[in-house]
């Protein structure tokens, strides 16, 4: 049971998600009821093609809901104007940077676009937010490098810094550890955990690093062929939510070690 004084940043009511493909409606999940609170790190996991990106796109209003409602900071998502929404929600995608010739500090500063005037001039407050974002993500030594000089792991930290500079209460990331080695996967996820704790922002990310997510997340969303499960990792282990993710003829989840293994 959640303490009553926790501030709810995003919640859903009887949400159904899906998409159109060749004029056919594909329903991914129904009756999704979530409450994500201030300062929580929440992992979204599931097999390939199960609908993780569909849920993220729906929660960010990139695609419409099939049914139900989404509330962000106690206001219905669909009632936000675009600029207002950009002050409440930031997104980090597995994207190619349009201009890798940008300096790192210039890319981070793009997070201030929702607040700058029509010529994009940064105020003292904007500069302070950018510098703080660079500091909390530990990329000060990269600030004057060009983006093309960065490794994948370094670039991912810079994109997270851009989201921090945007200064929204809710941050979403779509598979932020893609293409990273195991050290940098762990580093990025621990960074997200620290940022959620220190900045009190609500961070939701999709990932295939389920073992790491179980160790670090406050709560998790598990999408499977039967719908979804939501709760603390310990609760999800107890209800065998992770055991249903993959066919048991190949992949097994061990409840004691909280890890997946290949069936021998």
Protein backbone atom coordinates (compact mmCIF):
# COMPACT_ATOMS: atom_id res chain seq x y z
CA UNK A 1 0.00 0.00 0.00
CA UNK A 2 1.37 3.41 -1.04
CA UNK A 3 1.82 6.24 1.48
CA UNK A 4 -0.87 8.88 0.92
CA UNK A 5 1.59 11.80 0.80
CA UNK A 6 3.33 10.59 -2.37
CA UNK A 7 2.83 12.98 -5.29
CA UNK A 8 1.49 11.21 -8.38
CA UNK A 9 3.24 12.45 -11.52
CA UNK A 10 1.49 10.27 -14.10
CA UNK A 11 -1.47 7.93 -13.86
CA UNK A 12 -3.71 6.01 -16.21
CA UNK A 13 -7.36 5.03 -15.93
CA UNK A 14 -8.55 1.90 -17.75
CA UNK A 15 -6.08 2.60 -20.54
CA UNK A 16 -6.06 0.46 -23.68
CA UNK A 17 -3.17 0.78 -26.13
CA UNK A 18 -2.56 -0.43 -29.66
CA UNK A 19 -2.05 0.66 -33.25
CA UNK A 20 -3.40 0.42 -36.79
CA UNK A 21 -1.57 -1.77 -39.30
CA UNK A 22 -2.92 -2.29 -42.83
CA UNK A 23 -6.28 -0.91 -41.63
CA UNK A 24 -6.43 -3.58 -38.94
CA UNK A 25 -6.54 -2.61 -35.28
CA UNK A 26 -3.97 -4.36 -33.07
CA UNK A 27 -4.74 -4.14 -29.36
CA UNK A 28 -1.56 -4.48 -27.28
CA UNK A 29 -2.95 -4.26 -23.73
CA UNK A 30 -6.15 -3.23 -21.99
CA UNK A 31 -7.25 -2.04 -18.55
CA UNK A 32 -3.87 -0.49 -17.72
CA UNK A 33 -4.09 1.32 -14.39
CA UNK A 34 -0.81 2.83 -13.25
CA UNK A 35 0.35 5.42 -10.76
CA UNK A 36 3.94 6.61 -11.00
CA UNK A 37 5.12 8.81 -8.16
CA UNK A 38 7.67 11.57 -7.76
CA UNK A 39 11.25 10.30 -7.52
CA UNK A 40 10.52 6.76 -8.71
CA UNK A 41 12.59 4.80 -11.23
CA UNK A 42 10.26 2.54 -13.19
CA UNK A 43 11.38 -0.11 -15.67
CA UNK A 44 9.23 -1.32 -18.56
CA UNK A 45 10.11 -4.84 -19.71
CA UNK A 46 8.81 -7.47 -22.10
CA UNK A 47 9.77 -9.56 -25.10
CA UNK A 48 10.51 -7.99 -28.50
CA UNK A 49 7.36 -6.82 -30.24
CA UNK A 50 5.18 -7.07 -27.14
CA UNK A 51 4.31 -3.35 -27.15
CA UNK A 52 6.79 -1.49 -24.94
CA UNK A 53 7.30 1.28 -27.49
CA UNK A 54 3.54 1.47 -28.06
CA UNK A 55 3.00 2.15 -24.36
CA UNK A 56 5.73 4.81 -24.28
CA UNK A 57 4.35 6.49 -27.39
CA UNK A 58 0.86 6.53 -25.87
CA UNK A 59 2.06 7.97 -22.56
CA UNK A 60 3.93 10.70 -24.45
CA UNK A 61 0.94 11.45 -26.75
CA UNK A 62 2.86 10.48 -29.87
CA UNK A 63 -0.01 8.13 -30.65
CA UNK A 64 -3.59 8.17 -29.38
CA UNK A 65 -5.11 5.94 -26.74
CA UNK A 66 -7.61 3.31 -27.82
CA UNK A 67 -9.59 3.73 -24.63
CA UNK A 68 -9.20 5.30 -21.20
CA UNK A 69 -7.27 8.33 -20.03
CA UNK A 70 -3.77 9.44 -19.12
CA UNK A 71 -3.17 12.17 -16.52
CA UNK A 72 0.13 14.02 -16.23
CA UNK A 73 0.54 16.19 -13.11
CA UNK A 74 -3.22 15.79 -12.47
CA UNK A 75 -4.13 17.16 -15.90
CA UNK A 76 -5.46 15.05 -18.75
CA UNK A 77 -2.67 14.46 -21.28
CA UNK A 78 -4.78 15.38 -24.31
CA UNK A 79 -5.59 18.81 -22.87
CA UNK A 80 -1.95 19.99 -22.93
CA UNK A 81 -0.76 22.35 -25.62
CA UNK A 82 2.49 21.22 -27.24
CA UNK A 83 4.75 23.80 -25.57
CA UNK A 84 3.13 23.20 -22.19
CA UNK A 85 3.61 19.45 -22.57
CA UNK A 86 7.30 19.99 -23.30
CA UNK A 87 7.63 21.58 -19.86
CA UNK A 88 6.13 18.48 -18.21
CA UNK A 89 7.56 15.58 -20.20
CA UNK A 90 10.93 14.89 -21.81
CA UNK A 91 11.83 11.89 -23.96
CA UNK A 92 15.17 10.22 -24.67
CA UNK A 93 15.04 8.02 -27.76
CA UNK A 94 17.58 5.73 -29.37
CA UNK A 95 18.11 8.40 -32.00
CA UNK A 96 20.72 9.54 -34.45
CA UNK A 97 21.87 13.09 -33.68
CA UNK A 98 20.98 15.39 -36.59
CA UNK A 99 24.25 17.28 -36.33
CA UNK A 100 27.07 15.45 -34.61
CA UNK A 101 29.17 18.57 -35.11
CA UNK A 102 27.42 20.18 -32.14
CA UNK A 103 29.38 20.68 -28.97
CA UNK A 104 28.12 18.59 -26.06
CA UNK A 105 27.08 21.70 -24.13
CA UNK A 106 25.14 22.91 -27.20
CA UNK A 107 23.25 19.63 -27.44
CA UNK A 108 22.40 19.73 -23.72
CA UNK A 109 21.23 23.35 -24.14
CA UNK A 110 18.64 22.19 -26.70
CA UNK A 111 16.71 20.89 -23.72
CA UNK A 112 15.86 24.51 -22.89
CA UNK A 113 13.98 25.10 -26.17
CA UNK A 114 10.51 24.99 -24.55
CA UNK A 115 11.48 27.98 -22.41
CA UNK A 116 13.57 30.20 -24.70
CA UNK A 117 12.22 33.12 -26.69
CA UNK A 118 11.65 33.00 -30.44
CA UNK A 119 15.34 33.59 -31.21
CA UNK A 120 16.38 30.81 -28.83
CA UNK A 121 18.46 33.07 -26.59
CA UNK A 122 19.40 31.44 -23.29
CA UNK A 123 18.71 33.39 -20.10
CA UNK A 124 20.86 33.16 -17.00
CA UNK A 125 18.37 30.65 -15.60
CA UNK A 126 18.64 28.54 -18.77
CA UNK A 127 22.44 28.54 -18.58
CA UNK A 128 22.25 27.54 -14.92
CA UNK A 129 19.92 24.63 -15.75
CA UNK A 130 22.28 23.44 -18.51
CA UNK A 131 25.32 23.64 -16.26
CA UNK A 132 23.48 21.77 -13.50
CA UNK A 133 22.42 19.03 -15.93
CA UNK A 134 26.02 18.62 -17.10
CA UNK A 135 27.18 18.47 -13.50
CA UNK A 136 24.66 15.89 -12.20
CA UNK A 137 25.29 13.55 -15.14
CA UNK A 138 29.08 13.79 -14.62
CA UNK A 139 29.89 14.91 -18.17
CA UNK A 140 31.77 18.12 -17.36
CA UNK A 141 34.88 16.74 -19.05
CA UNK A 142 32.89 16.22 -22.26
CA UNK A 143 31.23 19.63 -22.42
CA UNK A 144 33.56 21.08 -25.08
CA UNK A 145 33.83 17.96 -27.22
CA UNK A 146 31.97 17.50 -30.49
CA UNK A 147 29.26 14.85 -30.47
CA UNK A 148 31.01 12.86 -33.20
CA UNK A 149 33.93 12.38 -30.81
CA UNK A 150 31.80 10.53 -28.24
CA UNK A 151 31.35 6.83 -27.65
CA UNK A 152 27.80 5.42 -27.57
CA UNK A 153 27.86 5.38 -23.78
CA UNK A 154 29.04 8.97 -23.55
CA UNK A 155 26.43 10.13 -26.05
CA UNK A 156 23.71 8.41 -24.03
CA UNK A 157 24.78 10.35 -20.93
CA UNK A 158 24.63 13.59 -22.95
CA UNK A 159 21.09 12.83 -24.14
CA UNK A 160 20.06 12.18 -20.55
CA UNK A 161 21.65 15.51 -19.57
CA UNK A 162 19.57 17.21 -22.27
CA UNK A 163 16.43 15.72 -20.72
CA UNK A 164 17.53 16.88 -17.26
CA UNK A 165 18.12 20.39 -18.64
CA UNK A 166 14.57 20.37 -19.98
CA UNK A 167 13.59 20.22 -16.29
CA UNK A 168 10.37 18.24 -16.55
CA UNK A 169 8.87 16.22 -13.70
CA UNK A 170 8.57 13.16 -15.95
CA UNK A 171 11.31 11.64 -18.14
CA UNK A 172 10.86 8.67 -20.48
CA UNK A 173 13.65 6.71 -22.16
CA UNK A 174 13.27 4.11 -24.88
CA UNK A 175 15.90 1.39 -24.37
CA UNK A 176 18.69 3.73 -23.17
CA UNK A 177 21.27 0.91 -22.96
CA UNK A 178 20.98 -0.31 -26.56
CA UNK A 179 24.40 -0.97 -28.19
CA UNK A 180 26.28 -0.54 -24.89
CA UNK A 181 28.58 -3.09 -23.27
CA UNK A 182 27.61 -4.58 -19.92
CA UNK A 183 29.63 -2.05 -17.89
CA UNK A 184 28.01 0.93 -19.58
CA UNK A 185 24.55 -0.68 -19.36
CA UNK A 186 24.98 -0.90 -15.60
CA UNK A 187 26.45 2.62 -15.47
CA UNK A 188 23.52 4.21 -17.33
CA UNK A 189 20.90 2.42 -15.23
CA UNK A 190 22.66 3.36 -11.98
CA UNK A 191 22.82 6.94 -13.27
CA UNK A 192 19.05 6.91 -13.82
CA UNK A 193 18.51 5.56 -10.32
CA UNK A 194 20.68 8.29 -8.82
CA UNK A 195 18.95 11.02 -10.84
CA UNK A 196 15.49 9.84 -9.76
CA UNK A 197 16.59 9.88 -6.13
CA UNK A 198 18.49 13.18 -6.21
CA UNK A 199 16.29 15.25 -8.52
CA UNK A 200 12.94 13.71 -7.47
CA UNK A 201 11.99 13.28 -11.12
CA UNK A 202 9.90 10.31 -12.19
CA UNK A 203 11.85 8.24 -14.72
CA UNK A 204 10.29 5.53 -16.87
CA UNK A 205 12.49 3.52 -19.22
CA UNK A 206 12.05 0.46 -21.41
CA UNK A 207 14.82 -2.10 -21.33
CA UNK A 208 15.91 -5.65 -22.12
CA UNK A 209 18.23 -5.58 -19.10
CA UNK A 210 15.64 -7.21 -16.88
CA UNK A 211 18.12 -8.51 -14.29
CA UNK A 212 19.54 -5.02 -13.78
CA UNK A 213 16.07 -3.45 -13.70
CA UNK A 214 14.94 -5.85 -10.97
CA UNK A 215 17.91 -4.78 -8.85
CA UNK A 216 17.57 -1.03 -9.37
CA UNK A 217 13.94 -0.10 -10.04
CA UNK A 218 11.42 1.06 -7.47
CA UNK A 219 8.64 -0.39 -9.61
CA UNK A 220 8.33 -2.24 -12.91
CA UNK A 221 5.79 -2.70 -15.67
CA UNK A 222 5.83 -6.18 -17.21
CA UNK A 223 4.14 -6.60 -20.60
CA UNK A 224 3.39 -10.14 -21.70
CA UNK A 225 0.99 -11.97 -23.99
CA UNK A 226 -1.71 -11.88 -21.31
CA UNK A 227 -1.52 -8.11 -20.74
CA UNK A 228 0.50 -6.36 -18.07
CA UNK A 229 1.63 -6.54 -14.46
CA UNK A 230 2.70 -3.56 -12.35
CA UNK A 231 4.34 -3.35 -8.95
CA UNK A 232 7.55 -3.51 -6.98
CA UNK A 233 10.09 -6.06 -8.26
CA UNK A 234 9.64 -8.22 -5.15
CA UNK A 235 5.87 -8.31 -5.67
CA UNK A 236 6.25 -9.18 -9.36
CA UNK A 237 8.64 -12.03 -8.52
CA UNK A 238 6.13 -13.41 -6.01
CA UNK A 239 3.31 -13.39 -8.58
CA UNK A 240 5.63 -15.02 -11.18
CA UNK A 241 5.30 -12.11 -13.62
CA UNK A 242 8.84 -12.58 -14.95
CA UNK A 243 8.43 -16.33 -15.41
CA UNK A 244 5.77 -15.69 -18.06
CA UNK A 245 7.89 -13.41 -20.20
CA UNK A 246 9.62 -16.05 -22.31
CA UNK A 247 8.93 -19.66 -23.36
CA UNK A 248 10.14 -21.95 -20.58
CA UNK A 249 11.60 -24.45 -23.04
CA UNK A 250 14.63 -22.15 -23.37
CA UNK A 251 14.64 -19.39 -20.72
CA UNK A 252 14.01 -19.86 -17.00
CA UNK A 253 13.65 -17.24 -14.27
CA UNK A 254 15.09 -18.16 -10.89
CA UNK A 255 13.16 -16.44 -8.08
CA UNK A 256 15.97 -16.81 -5.51
CA UNK A 257 18.76 -15.30 -7.61
CA UNK A 258 16.34 -12.94 -9.45
CA UNK A 259 18.02 -13.82 -12.74
CA UNK A 260 17.25 -15.46 -16.05
CA UNK A 261 19.20 -18.46 -17.27
CA UNK A 262 19.27 -20.68 -20.34
CA UNK A 263 17.74 -24.09 -19.77
CA UNK A 264 20.50 -26.70 -19.96
